[in-house]
Amino acid sequence: FVATEHIVAIALPPGVPAVPDDELVDAPVRRVCVETVGGASIEGRVTIAMPIYQQRVNDWLNNPEPYVAIDVEGCAYLLRKSQVIRITEIREV
């Protein structure tokens, strides 16, 4: 038995992209820090494969899917949105 509502992240197998290749055309990539209910901070990159008028980090987080994809040092994870407290975009300098 697994209490799935408490799962924060699921690691995808090596080589499996977080976002399908057909959705990556011209999709912006943002560096973010995600804070979770359990107190963890996860820093990585997100691909915002959404319409051009919805390409802010908040739009990405508010999409209707229960999970969002994040790439952490080349490893893809699916984060359960109900476990996310805050997401902060890290500006590249």
N, C-alpha and C. Protein backbone atom coordinates (compact mmCIF):
# COMPACT_ATOMS: atom_id res chain seq x y z
N PHE A 1 0.84 -1.18 0.00
CA PHE A 1 0.00 0.00 0.00
C PHE A 1 0.88 1.24 0.00
N VAL A 2 0.56 2.18 -0.86
CA VAL A 2 1.28 3.44 -0.94
C VAL A 2 0.26 4.57 -0.85
N ALA A 3 0.51 5.50 0.04
CA ALA A 3 -0.37 6.67 0.19
C ALA A 3 0.01 7.67 -0.90
N THR A 4 -0.55 7.50 -2.09
CA THR A 4 -0.15 8.29 -3.25
C THR A 4 -0.33 9.79 -3.08
N GLU A 5 -1.26 10.21 -2.23
CA GLU A 5 -1.46 11.66 -2.06
C GLU A 5 -0.28 12.33 -1.36
N HIS A 6 0.62 11.53 -0.78
CA HIS A 6 1.79 12.09 -0.10
C HIS A 6 3.06 12.02 -0.95
N ILE A 7 2.96 11.46 -2.14
CA ILE A 7 4.12 11.40 -3.03
C ILE A 7 4.41 12.82 -3.53
N VAL A 8 5.67 13.22 -3.39
CA VAL A 8 6.07 14.56 -3.82
C VAL A 8 6.61 14.52 -5.24
N ALA A 9 7.48 13.56 -5.54
CA ALA A 9 8.11 13.50 -6.86
C ALA A 9 8.31 12.06 -7.29
N ILE A 10 8.30 11.88 -8.60
CA ILE A 10 8.56 10.58 -9.21
C ILE A 10 9.71 10.78 -10.19
N ALA A 11 10.78 10.00 -10.03
CA ALA A 11 11.91 10.08 -10.95
C ALA A 11 11.60 9.23 -12.17
N LEU A 12 11.85 9.78 -13.35
CA LEU A 12 11.66 9.03 -14.58
C LEU A 12 12.93 8.25 -14.90
N PRO A 13 12.82 7.12 -15.58
CA PRO A 13 14.01 6.34 -15.93
C PRO A 13 14.99 7.17 -16.76
N PRO A 14 16.29 6.88 -16.67
CA PRO A 14 17.28 7.61 -17.47
C PRO A 14 16.93 7.56 -18.95
N GLY A 15 17.08 8.69 -19.61
CA GLY A 15 16.80 8.78 -21.03
C GLY A 15 15.36 9.11 -21.38
N VAL A 16 14.46 9.08 -20.40
CA VAL A 16 13.06 9.43 -20.65
C VAL A 16 12.90 10.92 -20.40
N PRO A 17 12.52 11.68 -21.43
CA PRO A 17 12.38 13.14 -21.24
C PRO A 17 11.14 13.48 -20.43
N ALA A 18 11.23 14.55 -19.67
CA ALA A 18 10.10 15.01 -18.87
C ALA A 18 9.00 15.58 -19.76
N VAL A 19 9.39 16.15 -20.89
CA VAL A 19 8.45 16.73 -21.84
C VAL A 19 8.67 16.05 -23.19
N PRO A 20 7.61 15.52 -23.82
CA PRO A 20 7.77 14.87 -25.13
C PRO A 20 8.41 15.80 -26.15
N ASP A 21 9.26 15.25 -27.01
CA ASP A 21 9.99 16.05 -28.00
C ASP A 21 9.08 16.89 -28.88
N ASP A 22 7.89 16.40 -29.22
CA ASP A 22 7.01 17.15 -30.11
C ASP A 22 6.45 18.41 -29.45
N GLU A 23 6.59 18.54 -28.14
CA GLU A 23 6.12 19.74 -27.44
C GLU A 23 7.23 20.76 -27.21
N LEU A 24 8.46 20.44 -27.61
CA LEU A 24 9.60 21.28 -27.28
C LEU A 24 9.88 22.39 -28.28
N VAL A 25 9.20 22.41 -29.42
CA VAL A 25 9.47 23.41 -30.45
C VAL A 25 9.23 24.80 -29.88
N ASP A 26 10.28 25.59 -29.82
CA ASP A 26 10.22 26.98 -29.36
C ASP A 26 9.72 27.13 -27.91
N ALA A 27 9.71 26.09 -27.13
CA ALA A 27 9.25 26.19 -25.74
C ALA A 27 10.37 26.78 -24.88
N PRO A 28 10.07 27.83 -24.12
CA PRO A 28 11.09 28.42 -23.26
C PRO A 28 11.44 27.50 -22.08
N VAL A 29 12.69 27.60 -21.65
CA VAL A 29 13.17 26.84 -20.49
C VAL A 29 13.50 27.84 -19.40
N ARG A 30 13.04 27.58 -18.20
CA ARG A 30 13.27 28.48 -17.06
C ARG A 30 13.94 27.71 -15.93
N ARG A 31 14.84 28.37 -15.24
CA ARG A 31 15.47 27.79 -14.05
C ARG A 31 14.62 28.19 -12.85
N VAL A 32 14.27 27.20 -12.00
CA VAL A 32 13.36 27.46 -10.88
C VAL A 32 13.84 26.76 -9.61
N CYS A 33 13.32 27.23 -8.48
CA CYS A 33 13.47 26.56 -7.20
C CYS A 33 12.05 26.28 -6.70
N VAL A 34 11.78 25.00 -6.44
CA VAL A 34 10.46 24.58 -5.99
C VAL A 34 10.56 24.19 -4.51
N GLU A 35 9.69 24.75 -3.68
CA GLU A 35 9.62 24.39 -2.27
C GLU A 35 8.39 23.53 -2.05
N THR A 36 8.57 22.41 -1.33
CA THR A 36 7.48 21.45 -1.15
C THR A 36 6.94 21.50 0.28
N VAL A 37 5.78 20.87 0.45
CA VAL A 37 5.11 20.80 1.75
C VAL A 37 6.04 20.21 2.81
N GLY A 38 6.82 19.21 2.45
CA GLY A 38 7.72 18.56 3.40
C GLY A 38 8.98 19.34 3.73
N GLY A 39 9.15 20.53 3.12
CA GLY A 39 10.30 21.37 3.42
C GLY A 39 11.46 21.20 2.45
N ALA A 40 11.33 20.35 1.45
CA ALA A 40 12.41 20.16 0.48
C ALA A 40 12.44 21.31 -0.52
N SER A 41 13.63 21.65 -0.99
CA SER A 41 13.80 22.61 -2.07
C SER A 41 14.42 21.86 -3.24
N ILE A 42 13.80 21.98 -4.39
CA ILE A 42 14.27 21.29 -5.58
C ILE A 42 14.58 22.36 -6.62
N GLU A 43 15.84 22.40 -7.06
CA GLU A 43 16.24 23.38 -8.05
C GLU A 43 16.50 22.68 -9.37
N GLY A 44 15.94 23.22 -10.43
CA GLY A 44 16.12 22.61 -11.74
C GLY A 44 15.58 23.49 -12.85
N ARG A 45 15.38 22.88 -14.00
CA ARG A 45 14.89 23.60 -15.18
C ARG A 45 13.55 23.04 -15.61
N VAL A 46 12.66 23.93 -16.01
CA VAL A 46 11.35 23.52 -16.49
C VAL A 46 11.18 24.01 -17.92
N THR A 47 10.54 23.19 -18.72
CA THR A 47 10.21 23.56 -20.09
C THR A 47 8.74 23.93 -20.12
N ILE A 48 8.45 25.14 -20.54
CA ILE A 48 7.07 25.63 -20.52
C ILE A 48 6.47 25.43 -21.91
N ALA A 49 6.00 24.22 -22.16
CA ALA A 49 5.41 23.86 -23.45
C ALA A 49 3.94 24.23 -23.45
N MET A 50 3.69 25.53 -23.51
CA MET A 50 2.33 26.05 -23.46
C MET A 50 2.20 27.16 -24.50
N PRO A 51 0.97 27.59 -24.80
CA PRO A 51 0.80 28.69 -25.76
C PRO A 51 1.61 29.91 -25.36
N ILE A 52 1.99 30.71 -26.32
CA ILE A 52 2.86 31.86 -26.09
C ILE A 52 2.30 32.82 -25.05
N TYR A 53 1.01 32.93 -24.94
CA TYR A 53 0.40 33.85 -23.97
C TYR A 53 0.30 33.23 -22.57
N GLN A 54 0.81 32.00 -22.41
CA GLN A 54 0.81 31.32 -21.10
C GLN A 54 2.18 30.76 -20.78
N GLN A 55 3.23 31.53 -21.01
CA GLN A 55 4.57 31.02 -20.82
C GLN A 55 5.29 31.59 -19.60
N ARG A 56 4.53 32.02 -18.61
CA ARG A 56 5.13 32.41 -17.34
C ARG A 56 5.22 31.18 -16.45
N VAL A 57 6.10 31.20 -15.47
CA VAL A 57 6.24 30.07 -14.55
C VAL A 57 4.92 29.81 -13.82
N ASN A 58 4.21 30.85 -13.42
CA ASN A 58 2.92 30.65 -12.75
C ASN A 58 1.90 29.98 -13.65
N ASP A 59 1.90 30.32 -14.94
CA ASP A 59 1.00 29.66 -15.89
C ASP A 59 1.33 28.17 -15.96
N TRP A 60 2.61 27.86 -16.01
CA TRP A 60 3.08 26.48 -16.06
C TRP A 60 2.60 25.71 -14.83
N LEU A 61 2.72 26.31 -13.66
CA LEU A 61 2.30 25.64 -12.43
C LEU A 61 0.78 25.49 -12.36
N ASN A 62 0.05 26.42 -12.94
CA ASN A 62 -1.41 26.39 -12.87
C ASN A 62 -2.08 25.61 -13.99
N ASN A 63 -1.31 24.89 -14.81
CA ASN A 63 -1.96 24.08 -15.84
C ASN A 63 -2.78 22.99 -15.16
N PRO A 64 -3.75 22.37 -15.85
CA PRO A 64 -4.68 21.45 -15.18
C PRO A 64 -4.10 20.08 -14.79
N GLU A 65 -2.91 19.75 -15.23
CA GLU A 65 -2.32 18.44 -14.91
C GLU A 65 -1.96 18.36 -13.42
N PRO A 66 -2.06 17.17 -12.79
CA PRO A 66 -1.72 17.04 -11.37
C PRO A 66 -0.21 17.06 -11.10
N TYR A 67 0.60 16.81 -12.14
CA TYR A 67 2.06 16.80 -12.01
C TYR A 67 2.66 17.81 -12.97
N VAL A 68 3.84 18.32 -12.61
CA VAL A 68 4.64 19.15 -13.51
C VAL A 68 6.02 18.53 -13.61
N ALA A 69 6.65 18.71 -14.75
CA ALA A 69 7.95 18.09 -15.01
C ALA A 69 9.07 19.08 -14.73
N ILE A 70 10.15 18.58 -14.12
CA ILE A 70 11.33 19.39 -13.84
C ILE A 70 12.56 18.54 -14.13
N ASP A 71 13.58 19.17 -14.71
CA ASP A 71 14.84 18.50 -15.00
C ASP A 71 15.86 18.96 -13.96
N VAL A 72 16.40 18.01 -13.22
CA VAL A 72 17.40 18.30 -12.19
C VAL A 72 18.70 17.61 -12.59
N GLU A 73 19.65 18.41 -13.09
CA GLU A 73 20.95 17.91 -13.49
C GLU A 73 20.84 16.71 -14.42
N GLY A 74 19.97 16.81 -15.42
CA GLY A 74 19.84 15.77 -16.43
C GLY A 74 18.91 14.63 -16.07
N CYS A 75 18.34 14.64 -14.88
CA CYS A 75 17.38 13.61 -14.47
C CYS A 75 15.99 14.25 -14.42
N ALA A 76 15.03 13.61 -15.07
CA ALA A 76 13.67 14.17 -15.13
C ALA A 76 12.82 13.67 -13.97
N TYR A 77 12.05 14.57 -13.39
CA TYR A 77 11.13 14.25 -12.29
C TYR A 77 9.75 14.80 -12.60
N LEU A 78 8.75 14.13 -12.10
CA LEU A 78 7.39 14.66 -12.11
C LEU A 78 7.07 15.04 -10.68
N LEU A 79 6.72 16.31 -10.46
CA LEU A 79 6.38 16.81 -9.13
C LEU A 79 4.87 16.91 -8.99
N ARG A 80 4.36 16.43 -7.89
CA ARG A 80 2.92 16.52 -7.61
C ARG A 80 2.63 17.95 -7.19
N LYS A 81 1.79 18.64 -7.95
CA LYS A 81 1.51 20.06 -7.70
C LYS A 81 0.86 20.31 -6.35
N SER A 82 0.09 19.36 -5.84
CA SER A 82 -0.55 19.56 -4.54
C SER A 82 0.46 19.59 -3.40
N GLN A 83 1.70 19.16 -3.68
CA GLN A 83 2.75 19.17 -2.66
C GLN A 83 3.69 20.38 -2.79
N VAL A 84 3.41 21.26 -3.74
CA VAL A 84 4.25 22.44 -3.98
C VAL A 84 3.70 23.63 -3.20
N ILE A 85 4.57 24.24 -2.40
CA ILE A 85 4.18 25.44 -1.64
C ILE A 85 4.49 26.70 -2.44
N ARG A 86 5.68 26.73 -3.03
CA ARG A 86 6.13 27.94 -3.73
C ARG A 86 7.08 27.55 -4.84
N ILE A 87 7.03 28.34 -5.89
CA ILE A 87 8.00 28.17 -6.98
C ILE A 87 8.55 29.55 -7.31
N THR A 88 9.86 29.63 -7.40
CA THR A 88 10.54 30.89 -7.65
C THR A 88 11.41 30.75 -8.88
N GLU A 89 11.25 31.67 -9.83
CA GLU A 89 12.11 31.64 -11.00
C GLU A 89 13.47 32.22 -10.63
N ILE A 90 14.52 31.53 -11.02
CA ILE A 90 15.89 31.98 -10.78
C ILE A 90 16.37 32.65 -12.06
N ARG A 91 16.56 33.92 -12.00
CA ARG A 91 16.97 34.69 -13.17
C ARG A 91 18.42 34.38 -13.52
N GLU A 92 18.65 34.10 -14.81
CA GLU A 92 20.01 33.89 -15.30
C GLU A 92 20.68 35.26 -15.41
N VAL A 93 21.93 35.33 -14.99
CA VAL A 93 22.64 36.62 -15.03
C VAL A 93 23.56 36.66 -16.20
